[in-house]
Amino acid sequence: MDKENLYGEIIDLEWDMFDHTQNIGGRASCQENKRGFIANRMCQFLAWNEETLASYLEDLKKAKAEDRNLMVEKYARMMAPVYTSEYNELAAYLPKITEEKADLVRQIVDIQMEWMDETSRLYPVFTSFGRPKDTEQDEEYDTSYQSYLRGEISTYSVDTLRSYLKYITELKAEGKNINEMILQNTAHAYGFEDARAAEEKLKEYVQSHS
């Protein structure tokens, strides 16, 4: 299966899970925006390699066969810093995270937080339109990039985490940054030539409205 078909099938499965996710405060507005969901997920998966995409697709298929919703699990884990009591009630129903898995998650988060720092320095205005960076900045309706990342990759299988860590380690050795790659994809999705062009345009917008 080629890369386009891989991420296309992934997004279809993710959307079905996302669409059936029940939130504490009721259905979220982003659940009414399928087009935006597809665009955001595509920007991420375009930056992945085929090996990791294929592994994650198997995770989703297995979860569906077991009647598990990985989006529910992701958002439940994201709740921990702010909705601690609610998370503690749900934790018993979530798959246990092994020591190996926890270590893989930690390594990935460490690398991508370094990359997020770098990307924020290069594109301060563009990145300011996204999530706050650190878990310490989590608020009731505003989850940080760090908490979101940790929650999401905690739903991946050990095989997918190994594949993804191997991939981003190779990218790092090549001087590449997957956060910037995703940002470039996002800029293209919004019609900009690249992230630098988006940064300059957004800077003009902010200055004109300050």
N, C-alpha and C. Protein backbone atom coordinates (compact mmCIF):
# COMPACT_ATOMS: atom_id res chain seq x y z
N MET A 1 0.85 -1.19 0.00
CA MET A 1 0.00 0.00 0.00
C MET A 1 0.88 1.25 0.00
N ASP A 2 0.59 2.22 -0.88
CA ASP A 2 1.43 3.41 -0.93
C ASP A 2 1.06 4.37 0.20
N LYS A 3 1.90 5.41 0.36
CA LYS A 3 1.77 6.32 1.49
C LYS A 3 0.41 7.01 1.52
N GLU A 4 -0.08 7.45 0.36
CA GLU A 4 -1.36 8.16 0.32
C GLU A 4 -2.50 7.27 0.79
N ASN A 5 -2.49 6.01 0.36
CA ASN A 5 -3.55 5.09 0.79
C ASN A 5 -3.42 4.76 2.27
N LEU A 6 -2.19 4.68 2.75
CA LEU A 6 -1.97 4.40 4.17
C LEU A 6 -2.57 5.49 5.05
N TYR A 7 -2.18 6.75 4.79
CA TYR A 7 -2.71 7.80 5.67
C TYR A 7 -4.18 8.07 5.40
N GLY A 8 -4.65 7.78 4.19
CA GLY A 8 -6.08 7.94 3.92
C GLY A 8 -6.92 6.98 4.75
N GLU A 9 -6.47 5.72 4.84
CA GLU A 9 -7.19 4.73 5.64
C GLU A 9 -7.08 5.04 7.12
N ILE A 10 -5.91 5.51 7.54
CA ILE A 10 -5.72 5.91 8.94
C ILE A 10 -6.70 7.00 9.32
N ILE A 11 -6.78 8.04 8.50
CA ILE A 11 -7.65 9.18 8.82
C ILE A 11 -9.12 8.76 8.84
N ASP A 12 -9.51 7.88 7.94
CA ASP A 12 -10.89 7.38 7.96
C ASP A 12 -11.21 6.69 9.29
N LEU A 13 -10.30 5.84 9.74
CA LEU A 13 -10.52 5.12 11.00
C LEU A 13 -10.49 6.08 12.18
N GLU A 14 -9.54 7.02 12.16
CA GLU A 14 -9.46 7.99 13.25
C GLU A 14 -10.71 8.85 13.32
N TRP A 15 -11.19 9.29 12.16
CA TRP A 15 -12.37 10.15 12.18
C TRP A 15 -13.57 9.42 12.76
N ASP A 16 -13.75 8.17 12.39
CA ASP A 16 -14.88 7.41 12.93
C ASP A 16 -14.79 7.33 14.46
N MET A 17 -13.57 7.11 14.97
CA MET A 17 -13.38 7.07 16.42
C MET A 17 -13.60 8.45 17.05
N PHE A 18 -13.06 9.47 16.41
CA PHE A 18 -13.19 10.84 16.91
C PHE A 18 -14.66 11.26 16.93
N ASP A 19 -15.38 10.91 15.88
CA ASP A 19 -16.79 11.28 15.76
C ASP A 19 -17.64 10.63 16.86
N HIS A 20 -17.18 9.51 17.38
CA HIS A 20 -17.93 8.79 18.41
C HIS A 20 -17.36 9.00 19.81
N THR A 21 -16.50 10.01 19.96
CA THR A 21 -15.92 10.32 21.26
C THR A 21 -16.88 11.19 22.06
N GLN A 22 -17.15 10.78 23.29
CA GLN A 22 -18.02 11.55 24.18
C GLN A 22 -17.16 12.39 25.12
N ASN A 23 -17.37 13.69 25.15
CA ASN A 23 -16.59 14.58 25.99
C ASN A 23 -17.33 14.92 27.28
N ILE A 24 -16.58 15.39 28.28
CA ILE A 24 -17.18 15.76 29.57
C ILE A 24 -18.27 16.81 29.38
N GLY A 25 -18.00 17.82 28.57
CA GLY A 25 -18.95 18.90 28.39
C GLY A 25 -19.87 18.74 27.20
N GLY A 26 -19.97 17.52 26.68
CA GLY A 26 -20.78 17.30 25.50
C GLY A 26 -19.93 17.29 24.24
N ARG A 27 -20.58 17.20 23.11
CA ARG A 27 -19.88 17.11 21.83
C ARG A 27 -19.11 18.41 21.56
N ALA A 28 -17.84 18.28 21.18
CA ALA A 28 -16.98 19.44 20.93
C ALA A 28 -17.24 20.00 19.53
N SER A 29 -17.01 21.31 19.37
CA SER A 29 -17.24 21.96 18.08
C SER A 29 -16.35 21.37 16.98
N CYS A 30 -15.13 20.93 17.35
CA CYS A 30 -14.22 20.39 16.35
C CYS A 30 -14.74 19.06 15.78
N GLN A 31 -15.68 18.42 16.49
CA GLN A 31 -16.26 17.18 15.98
C GLN A 31 -17.26 17.45 14.85
N GLU A 32 -17.60 18.72 14.65
CA GLU A 32 -18.48 19.09 13.54
C GLU A 32 -17.67 19.57 12.34
N ASN A 33 -16.35 19.50 12.44
CA ASN A 33 -15.48 20.01 11.37
C ASN A 33 -14.62 18.87 10.82
N LYS A 34 -15.24 17.99 10.07
CA LYS A 34 -14.51 16.84 9.52
C LYS A 34 -13.41 17.30 8.57
N ARG A 35 -13.69 18.31 7.79
CA ARG A 35 -12.71 18.81 6.83
C ARG A 35 -11.44 19.29 7.55
N GLY A 36 -11.62 20.03 8.64
CA GLY A 36 -10.47 20.51 9.40
C GLY A 36 -9.71 19.37 10.04
N PHE A 37 -10.43 18.37 10.54
CA PHE A 37 -9.79 17.20 11.14
C PHE A 37 -8.92 16.50 10.11
N ILE A 38 -9.47 16.28 8.93
CA ILE A 38 -8.72 15.59 7.87
C ILE A 38 -7.47 16.38 7.49
N ALA A 39 -7.61 17.70 7.35
CA ALA A 39 -6.47 18.53 6.97
C ALA A 39 -5.36 18.49 8.01
N ASN A 40 -5.74 18.60 9.29
CA ASN A 40 -4.76 18.60 10.37
C ASN A 40 -4.03 17.26 10.46
N ARG A 41 -4.77 16.17 10.35
CA ARG A 41 -4.14 14.86 10.46
C ARG A 41 -3.27 14.57 9.24
N MET A 42 -3.70 15.02 8.08
CA MET A 42 -2.91 14.81 6.87
C MET A 42 -1.57 15.54 6.96
N CYS A 43 -1.59 16.75 7.50
CA CYS A 43 -0.34 17.51 7.66
C CYS A 43 0.65 16.74 8.53
N GLN A 44 0.15 16.04 9.53
CA GLN A 44 1.02 15.24 10.39
C GLN A 44 1.52 14.01 9.66
N PHE A 45 0.61 13.26 9.06
CA PHE A 45 1.00 11.97 8.50
C PHE A 45 1.83 12.09 7.22
N LEU A 46 1.73 13.21 6.54
CA LEU A 46 2.60 13.44 5.38
C LEU A 46 4.07 13.47 5.79
N ALA A 47 4.32 13.80 7.06
CA ALA A 47 5.70 13.87 7.56
C ALA A 47 6.22 12.52 8.04
N TRP A 48 5.36 11.52 8.12
CA TRP A 48 5.77 10.19 8.59
C TRP A 48 6.33 9.35 7.44
N ASN A 49 7.05 8.30 7.80
CA ASN A 49 7.48 7.34 6.78
C ASN A 49 6.46 6.21 6.66
N GLU A 50 6.57 5.43 5.60
CA GLU A 50 5.57 4.40 5.32
C GLU A 50 5.57 3.29 6.37
N GLU A 51 6.74 2.96 6.90
CA GLU A 51 6.83 1.90 7.91
C GLU A 51 6.00 2.24 9.15
N THR A 52 6.13 3.47 9.62
CA THR A 52 5.39 3.88 10.82
C THR A 52 3.90 4.01 10.53
N LEU A 53 3.57 4.53 9.35
CA LEU A 53 2.16 4.63 8.97
C LEU A 53 1.52 3.25 8.94
N ALA A 54 2.21 2.28 8.34
CA ALA A 54 1.66 0.92 8.23
C ALA A 54 1.47 0.30 9.63
N SER A 55 2.41 0.56 10.53
CA SER A 55 2.31 0.01 11.89
C SER A 55 1.13 0.64 12.64
N TYR A 56 0.98 1.96 12.51
CA TYR A 56 -0.12 2.64 13.20
C TYR A 56 -1.47 2.23 12.62
N LEU A 57 -1.53 2.00 11.32
CA LEU A 57 -2.77 1.53 10.72
C LEU A 57 -3.17 0.19 11.33
N GLU A 58 -2.20 -0.68 11.57
CA GLU A 58 -2.51 -1.95 12.21
C GLU A 58 -3.01 -1.74 13.64
N ASP A 59 -2.44 -0.75 14.34
CA ASP A 59 -2.94 -0.42 15.69
C ASP A 59 -4.42 -0.08 15.64
N LEU A 60 -4.79 0.77 14.69
CA LEU A 60 -6.17 1.22 14.57
C LEU A 60 -7.10 0.07 14.21
N LYS A 61 -6.66 -0.78 13.29
CA LYS A 61 -7.49 -1.93 12.89
C LYS A 61 -7.69 -2.88 14.07
N LYS A 62 -6.62 -3.12 14.82
CA LYS A 62 -6.71 -4.01 15.98
C LYS A 62 -7.64 -3.41 17.04
N ALA A 63 -7.50 -2.11 17.27
CA ALA A 63 -8.36 -1.45 18.25
C ALA A 63 -9.82 -1.54 17.85
N LYS A 64 -10.10 -1.33 16.58
CA LYS A 64 -11.49 -1.42 16.10
C LYS A 64 -12.03 -2.83 16.30
N ALA A 65 -11.21 -3.84 16.01
CA ALA A 65 -11.64 -5.23 16.18
C ALA A 65 -11.92 -5.55 17.63
N GLU A 66 -11.21 -4.87 18.55
CA GLU A 66 -11.38 -5.09 19.99
C GLU A 66 -12.40 -4.13 20.60
N ASP A 67 -13.06 -3.33 19.74
CA ASP A 67 -14.05 -2.35 20.18
C ASP A 67 -13.43 -1.31 21.12
N ARG A 68 -12.19 -0.94 20.83
CA ARG A 68 -11.51 0.13 21.57
C ARG A 68 -11.51 1.39 20.71
N ASN A 69 -11.60 2.54 21.36
CA ASN A 69 -11.57 3.82 20.66
C ASN A 69 -10.29 4.54 21.08
N LEU A 70 -9.30 4.60 20.18
CA LEU A 70 -8.01 5.20 20.52
C LEU A 70 -8.13 6.70 20.74
N MET A 71 -9.12 7.34 20.14
CA MET A 71 -9.31 8.77 20.39
C MET A 71 -9.81 9.00 21.82
N VAL A 72 -10.69 8.15 22.29
CA VAL A 72 -11.16 8.25 23.67
C VAL A 72 -9.98 8.05 24.62
N GLU A 73 -9.15 7.05 24.34
CA GLU A 73 -7.99 6.79 25.19
C GLU A 73 -7.01 7.96 25.17
N LYS A 74 -6.81 8.54 24.01
CA LYS A 74 -5.91 9.69 23.89
C LYS A 74 -6.40 10.85 24.75
N TYR A 75 -7.66 11.22 24.59
CA TYR A 75 -8.18 12.38 25.32
C TYR A 75 -8.28 12.09 26.82
N ALA A 76 -8.52 10.84 27.18
CA ALA A 76 -8.53 10.48 28.60
C ALA A 76 -7.16 10.72 29.22
N ARG A 77 -6.10 10.30 28.52
CA ARG A 77 -4.75 10.49 29.05
C ARG A 77 -4.35 11.97 29.07
N MET A 78 -4.87 12.74 28.13
CA MET A 78 -4.59 14.18 28.11
C MET A 78 -5.23 14.89 29.31
N MET A 79 -6.25 14.28 29.90
CA MET A 79 -6.96 14.92 31.01
C MET A 79 -6.14 14.98 32.29
N ALA A 80 -5.17 14.09 32.43
CA ALA A 80 -4.49 13.87 33.71
C ALA A 80 -4.00 15.14 34.40
N PRO A 81 -3.33 16.09 33.69
CA PRO A 81 -2.80 17.26 34.41
C PRO A 81 -3.87 18.20 34.97
N VAL A 82 -5.02 18.31 34.33
CA VAL A 82 -6.05 19.28 34.74
C VAL A 82 -7.24 18.59 35.39
N TYR A 83 -7.77 17.57 34.73
CA TYR A 83 -8.92 16.84 35.27
C TYR A 83 -8.43 15.59 36.00
N THR A 84 -7.64 15.80 37.03
CA THR A 84 -6.96 14.69 37.69
C THR A 84 -7.93 13.68 38.29
N SER A 85 -8.95 14.13 38.99
CA SER A 85 -9.89 13.19 39.63
C SER A 85 -10.67 12.40 38.59
N GLU A 86 -11.10 13.08 37.51
CA GLU A 86 -11.83 12.39 36.45
C GLU A 86 -10.92 11.36 35.76
N TYR A 87 -9.65 11.76 35.55
CA TYR A 87 -8.71 10.83 34.93
C TYR A 87 -8.50 9.61 35.81
N ASN A 88 -8.36 9.82 37.09
CA ASN A 88 -8.14 8.70 38.01
C ASN A 88 -9.29 7.70 37.97
N GLU A 89 -10.50 8.20 37.73
CA GLU A 89 -11.65 7.31 37.62
C GLU A 89 -11.58 6.48 36.34
N LEU A 90 -11.03 7.08 35.28
CA LEU A 90 -10.96 6.40 33.99
C LEU A 90 -9.73 5.50 33.87
N ALA A 91 -8.69 5.81 34.62
CA ALA A 91 -7.39 5.14 34.45
C ALA A 91 -7.48 3.62 34.52
N ALA A 92 -8.36 3.12 35.37
CA ALA A 92 -8.49 1.67 35.53
C ALA A 92 -8.99 0.99 34.26
N TYR A 93 -9.67 1.76 33.40
CA TYR A 93 -10.23 1.19 32.17
C TYR A 93 -9.30 1.34 30.96
N LEU A 94 -8.19 2.05 31.16
CA LEU A 94 -7.23 2.26 30.07
C LEU A 94 -6.20 1.14 30.06
N PRO A 95 -5.70 0.78 28.88
CA PRO A 95 -4.64 -0.24 28.81
C PRO A 95 -3.44 0.18 29.64
N LYS A 96 -2.85 -0.78 30.34
CA LYS A 96 -1.68 -0.48 31.16
C LYS A 96 -0.49 -0.13 30.28
N ILE A 97 0.30 0.83 30.73
CA ILE A 97 1.50 1.22 30.01
C ILE A 97 2.69 0.52 30.65
N THR A 98 3.35 -0.32 29.86
CA THR A 98 4.50 -1.06 30.37
C THR A 98 5.69 -0.13 30.56
N GLU A 99 6.69 -0.62 31.25
CA GLU A 99 7.91 0.17 31.47
C GLU A 99 8.59 0.48 30.14
N GLU A 100 8.61 -0.50 29.23
CA GLU A 100 9.21 -0.27 27.91
C GLU A 100 8.46 0.82 27.15
N LYS A 101 7.15 0.72 27.17
CA LYS A 101 6.34 1.71 26.45
C LYS A 101 6.52 3.10 27.04
N ALA A 102 6.54 3.20 28.35
CA ALA A 102 6.73 4.49 29.01
C ALA A 102 8.07 5.10 28.63
N ASP A 103 9.10 4.27 28.50
CA ASP A 103 10.42 4.76 28.13
C ASP A 103 10.44 5.25 26.68
N LEU A 104 9.77 4.52 25.79
CA LEU A 104 9.68 4.94 24.39
C LEU A 104 8.94 6.28 24.28
N VAL A 105 7.84 6.40 25.01
CA VAL A 105 7.07 7.65 25.01
C VAL A 105 7.94 8.80 25.50
N ARG A 106 8.66 8.57 26.58
CA ARG A 106 9.53 9.62 27.14
C ARG A 106 10.58 10.07 26.14
N GLN A 107 11.22 9.12 25.46
CA GLN A 107 12.26 9.47 24.48
C GLN A 107 11.69 10.29 23.33
N ILE A 108 10.52 9.90 22.85
CA ILE A 108 9.89 10.62 21.74
C ILE A 108 9.50 12.03 22.17
N VAL A 109 8.89 12.16 23.34
CA VAL A 109 8.49 13.47 23.85
C VAL A 109 9.71 14.37 24.02
N ASP A 110 10.80 13.83 24.54
CA ASP A 110 12.01 14.63 24.74
C ASP A 110 12.53 15.19 23.42
N ILE A 111 12.58 14.35 22.39
CA ILE A 111 13.07 14.79 21.08
C ILE A 111 12.14 15.85 20.49
N GLN A 112 10.85 15.59 20.55
CA GLN A 112 9.93 16.52 19.91
C GLN A 112 9.77 17.82 20.68
N MET A 113 10.00 17.81 21.98
CA MET A 113 9.98 19.07 22.71
C MET A 113 11.20 19.93 22.34
N GLU A 114 12.35 19.30 22.12
CA GLU A 114 13.52 20.03 21.62
C GLU A 114 13.19 20.65 20.26
N TRP A 115 12.57 19.86 19.41
CA TRP A 115 12.20 20.35 18.08
C TRP A 115 11.16 21.46 18.16
N MET A 116 10.23 21.35 19.12
CA MET A 116 9.23 22.40 19.26
C MET A 116 9.88 23.71 19.69
N ASP A 117 10.87 23.62 20.59
CA ASP A 117 11.61 24.82 20.97
C ASP A 117 12.27 25.47 19.75
N GLU A 118 12.88 24.64 18.94
CA GLU A 118 13.56 25.14 17.74
C GLU A 118 12.57 25.76 16.76
N THR A 119 11.46 25.08 16.54
CA THR A 119 10.45 25.57 15.60
C THR A 119 9.83 26.87 16.10
N SER A 120 9.63 26.98 17.41
CA SER A 120 9.07 28.20 17.98
C SER A 120 10.02 29.39 17.82
N ARG A 121 11.31 29.12 17.88
CA ARG A 121 12.29 30.20 17.67
C ARG A 121 12.29 30.65 16.21
N LEU A 122 12.15 29.70 15.30
CA LEU A 122 12.18 30.02 13.87
C LEU A 122 10.89 30.69 13.40
N TYR A 123 9.77 30.26 13.97
CA TYR A 123 8.45 30.75 13.52
C TYR A 123 7.62 31.15 14.74
N PRO A 124 8.02 32.17 15.47
CA PRO A 124 7.34 32.52 16.72
C PRO A 124 5.87 32.90 16.55
N VAL A 125 5.54 33.60 15.48
CA VAL A 125 4.15 34.02 15.28
C VAL A 125 3.30 32.85 14.82
N PHE A 126 3.78 32.13 13.82
CA PHE A 126 3.04 30.99 13.28
C PHE A 126 2.74 29.97 14.38
N THR A 127 3.75 29.62 15.18
CA THR A 127 3.53 28.63 16.23
C THR A 127 2.66 29.15 17.37
N SER A 128 2.59 30.47 17.52
CA SER A 128 1.76 31.04 18.60
C SER A 128 0.27 30.81 18.35
N PHE A 129 -0.09 30.48 17.11
CA PHE A 129 -1.49 30.20 16.79
C PHE A 129 -1.87 28.76 17.15
N GLY A 130 -0.88 27.98 17.60
CA GLY A 130 -1.15 26.60 18.01
C GLY A 130 -1.32 26.48 19.51
N ARG A 131 -1.08 25.30 20.01
CA ARG A 131 -1.23 25.03 21.43
C ARG A 131 -0.09 25.65 22.24
N PRO A 132 -0.32 25.96 23.53
CA PRO A 132 0.82 26.31 24.39
C PRO A 132 1.77 25.12 24.43
N LYS A 133 3.02 25.36 24.77
CA LYS A 133 4.04 24.33 24.59
C LYS A 133 4.08 23.29 25.70
N ASP A 134 4.15 23.72 26.95
CA ASP A 134 4.46 22.81 28.06
C ASP A 134 3.24 22.38 28.88
N THR A 135 3.34 21.19 29.47
CA THR A 135 2.27 20.67 30.31
C THR A 135 1.89 21.64 31.43
N GLU A 136 2.89 22.36 31.95
CA GLU A 136 2.63 23.34 33.03
C GLU A 136 1.66 24.44 32.59
N GLN A 137 1.47 24.59 31.28
CA GLN A 137 0.57 25.62 30.75
C GLN A 137 -0.83 25.08 30.47
N ASP A 138 -1.09 23.82 30.78
CA ASP A 138 -2.41 23.23 30.55
C ASP A 138 -3.48 24.01 31.30
N GLU A 139 -4.60 24.24 30.64
CA GLU A 139 -5.76 24.85 31.26
C GLU A 139 -6.99 24.03 30.92
N GLU A 140 -8.11 24.37 31.50
CA GLU A 140 -9.31 23.57 31.35
C GLU A 140 -9.69 23.34 29.89
N TYR A 141 -9.59 24.38 29.07
CA TYR A 141 -9.99 24.22 27.67
C TYR A 141 -8.82 24.45 26.71
N ASP A 142 -7.61 24.29 27.21
CA ASP A 142 -6.44 24.55 26.37
C ASP A 142 -5.31 23.60 26.77
N THR A 143 -5.23 22.47 26.11
CA THR A 143 -4.22 21.47 26.41
C THR A 143 -2.92 21.79 25.67
N SER A 144 -1.81 21.65 26.34
CA SER A 144 -0.52 21.96 25.75
C SER A 144 -0.10 20.94 24.70
N TYR A 145 0.86 21.35 23.89
CA TYR A 145 1.44 20.45 22.89
C TYR A 145 2.04 19.22 23.56
N GLN A 146 2.75 19.42 24.66
CA GLN A 146 3.42 18.33 25.36
C GLN A 146 2.41 17.30 25.87
N SER A 147 1.34 17.75 26.50
CA SER A 147 0.32 16.83 27.02
C SER A 147 -0.41 16.13 25.89
N TYR A 148 -0.67 16.87 24.81
CA TYR A 148 -1.37 16.27 23.66
C TYR A 148 -0.49 15.19 23.04
N LEU A 149 0.79 15.51 22.82
CA LEU A 149 1.71 14.54 22.23
C LEU A 149 1.82 13.30 23.09
N ARG A 150 2.03 13.48 24.39
CA ARG A 150 2.17 12.33 25.29
C ARG A 150 0.90 11.48 25.28
N GLY A 151 -0.26 12.15 25.31
CA GLY A 151 -1.52 11.41 25.29
C GLY A 151 -1.71 10.63 24.01
N GLU A 152 -1.36 11.24 22.89
CA GLU A 152 -1.56 10.56 21.60
C GLU A 152 -0.63 9.37 21.45
N ILE A 153 0.67 9.58 21.66
CA ILE A 153 1.59 8.47 21.38
C ILE A 153 1.47 7.36 22.41
N SER A 154 0.86 7.65 23.55
CA SER A 154 0.61 6.60 24.55
C SER A 154 -0.43 5.59 24.05
N THR A 155 -1.17 5.94 23.01
CA THR A 155 -2.14 5.00 22.44
C THR A 155 -1.51 4.10 21.38
N TYR A 156 -0.28 4.43 20.95
CA TYR A 156 0.38 3.62 19.94
C TYR A 156 0.88 2.31 20.56
N SER A 157 0.99 1.29 19.75
CA SER A 157 1.58 0.03 20.21
C SER A 157 3.09 0.21 20.38
N VAL A 158 3.70 -0.73 21.08
CA VAL A 158 5.16 -0.70 21.24
C VAL A 158 5.84 -0.78 19.88
N ASP A 159 5.30 -1.60 18.98
CA ASP A 159 5.90 -1.72 17.64
C ASP A 159 5.86 -0.38 16.91
N THR A 160 4.75 0.34 17.00
CA THR A 160 4.64 1.64 16.33
C THR A 160 5.56 2.66 16.98
N LEU A 161 5.64 2.64 18.30
CA LEU A 161 6.53 3.56 19.00
C LEU A 161 7.99 3.30 18.62
N ARG A 162 8.37 2.03 18.54
CA ARG A 162 9.74 1.71 18.11
C ARG A 162 10.01 2.24 16.71
N SER A 163 9.07 2.01 15.82
CA SER A 163 9.23 2.46 14.44
C SER A 163 9.32 3.98 14.36
N TYR A 164 8.45 4.65 15.10
CA TYR A 164 8.43 6.11 15.07
C TYR A 164 9.70 6.70 15.69
N LEU A 165 10.15 6.12 16.81
CA LEU A 165 11.38 6.60 17.45
C LEU A 165 12.58 6.40 16.53
N LYS A 166 12.64 5.26 15.87
CA LYS A 166 13.72 5.00 14.91
C LYS A 166 13.70 6.06 13.80
N TYR A 167 12.52 6.36 13.30
CA TYR A 167 12.38 7.33 12.22
C TYR A 167 12.80 8.72 12.64
N ILE A 168 12.32 9.19 13.80
CA ILE A 168 12.67 10.56 14.18
C ILE A 168 14.13 10.67 14.63
N THR A 169 14.68 9.56 15.12
CA THR A 169 16.12 9.56 15.45
C THR A 169 16.94 9.72 14.18
N GLU A 170 16.51 9.06 13.12
CA GLU A 170 17.19 9.20 11.82
C GLU A 170 17.05 10.63 11.28
N LEU A 171 15.85 11.19 11.43
CA LEU A 171 15.64 12.57 11.00
C LEU A 171 16.57 13.52 11.75
N LYS A 172 16.67 13.31 13.06
CA LYS A 172 17.52 14.17 13.88
C LYS A 172 18.98 14.09 13.44
N ALA A 173 19.43 12.87 13.12
CA ALA A 173 20.81 12.68 12.67
C ALA A 173 21.06 13.39 11.34
N GLU A 174 19.98 13.56 10.55
CA GLU A 174 20.09 14.25 9.26
C GLU A 174 19.88 15.75 9.38
N GLY A 175 19.69 16.23 10.61
CA GLY A 175 19.46 17.65 10.83
C GLY A 175 18.06 18.10 10.48
N LYS A 176 17.13 17.16 10.43
CA LYS A 176 15.74 17.49 10.11
C LYS A 176 14.91 17.55 11.39
N ASN A 177 13.75 18.17 11.30
CA ASN A 177 12.89 18.44 12.44
C ASN A 177 11.45 18.15 12.02
N ILE A 178 10.85 17.09 12.58
CA ILE A 178 9.52 16.71 12.13
C ILE A 178 8.48 17.76 12.48
N ASN A 179 8.70 18.51 13.56
CA ASN A 179 7.75 19.58 13.89
C ASN A 179 7.74 20.64 12.80
N GLU A 180 8.93 20.98 12.31
CA GLU A 180 8.99 21.96 11.21
C GLU A 180 8.40 21.37 9.94
N MET A 181 8.63 20.08 9.69
CA MET A 181 8.05 19.43 8.51
C MET A 181 6.54 19.51 8.54
N ILE A 182 5.95 19.27 9.71
CA ILE A 182 4.49 19.35 9.85
C ILE A 182 4.02 20.78 9.66
N LEU A 183 4.80 21.74 10.20
CA LEU A 183 4.45 23.15 10.05
C LEU A 183 4.49 23.56 8.58
N GLN A 184 5.48 23.05 7.84
CA GLN A 184 5.55 23.33 6.41
C GLN A 184 4.32 22.77 5.70
N ASN A 185 3.92 21.56 6.05
CA ASN A 185 2.72 20.97 5.46
C ASN A 185 1.48 21.79 5.79
N THR A 186 1.43 22.31 7.01
CA THR A 186 0.30 23.14 7.42
C THR A 186 0.25 24.43 6.61
N ALA A 187 1.42 25.04 6.41
CA ALA A 187 1.49 26.26 5.60
C ALA A 187 0.98 26.00 4.18
N HIS A 188 1.40 24.89 3.59
CA HIS A 188 0.94 24.54 2.25
C HIS A 188 -0.57 24.33 2.23
N ALA A 189 -1.09 23.68 3.29
CA ALA A 189 -2.53 23.41 3.35
C ALA A 189 -3.35 24.69 3.38
N TYR A 190 -2.76 25.76 3.94
CA TYR A 190 -3.45 27.05 4.01
C TYR A 190 -3.09 27.97 2.84
N GLY A 191 -2.41 27.43 1.85
CA GLY A 191 -2.16 28.17 0.62
C GLY A 191 -0.90 29.01 0.59
N PHE A 192 -0.03 28.85 1.59
CA PHE A 192 1.23 29.59 1.61
C PHE A 192 2.31 28.80 0.89
N GLU A 193 3.30 29.52 0.39
CA GLU A 193 4.41 28.86 -0.30
C GLU A 193 5.18 27.97 0.66
N ASP A 194 5.40 28.45 1.87
CA ASP A 194 6.10 27.68 2.90
C ASP A 194 5.84 28.31 4.26
N ALA A 195 6.45 27.75 5.30
CA ALA A 195 6.23 28.24 6.66
C ALA A 195 6.77 29.65 6.85
N ARG A 196 7.87 29.98 6.17
CA ARG A 196 8.43 31.33 6.28
C ARG A 196 7.46 32.37 5.73
N ALA A 197 6.83 32.06 4.60
CA ALA A 197 5.85 32.97 4.02
C ALA A 197 4.65 33.14 4.95
N ALA A 198 4.23 32.04 5.56
CA ALA A 198 3.11 32.10 6.51
C ALA A 198 3.50 32.95 7.72
N GLU A 199 4.72 32.78 8.21
CA GLU A 199 5.20 33.54 9.36
C GLU A 199 5.15 35.04 9.08
N GLU A 200 5.64 35.45 7.91
CA GLU A 200 5.66 36.88 7.57
C GLU A 200 4.26 37.44 7.41
N LYS A 201 3.38 36.68 6.78
CA LYS A 201 2.01 37.13 6.58
C LYS A 201 1.28 37.26 7.92
N LEU A 202 1.46 36.28 8.79
CA LEU A 202 0.82 36.32 10.10
C LEU A 202 1.40 37.44 10.96
N LYS A 203 2.68 37.71 10.81
CA LYS A 203 3.31 38.80 11.54
C LYS A 203 2.68 40.13 11.13
N GLU A 204 2.46 40.31 9.83
CA GLU A 204 1.80 41.53 9.34
C GLU A 204 0.40 41.64 9.91
N TYR A 205 -0.30 40.51 9.95
CA TYR A 205 -1.68 40.51 10.47
C TYR A 205 -1.71 40.91 11.93
N VAL A 206 -0.83 40.33 12.73
CA VAL A 206 -0.78 40.64 14.16
C VAL A 206 -0.44 42.10 14.41
N GLN A 207 0.53 42.60 13.65
CA GLN A 207 0.94 44.00 13.81
C GLN A 207 -0.17 44.96 13.43
N SER A 208 -0.93 44.61 12.39
CA SER A 208 -2.01 45.49 11.96
C SER A 208 -3.21 45.48 12.89
N HIS A 209 -3.29 44.46 13.76
CA HIS A 209 -4.40 44.34 14.69
C HIS A 209 -3.98 44.59 16.14
N SER A 210 -2.77 45.09 16.33
CA SER A 210 -2.30 45.35 17.70
C SER A 210 -2.53 46.80 18.08
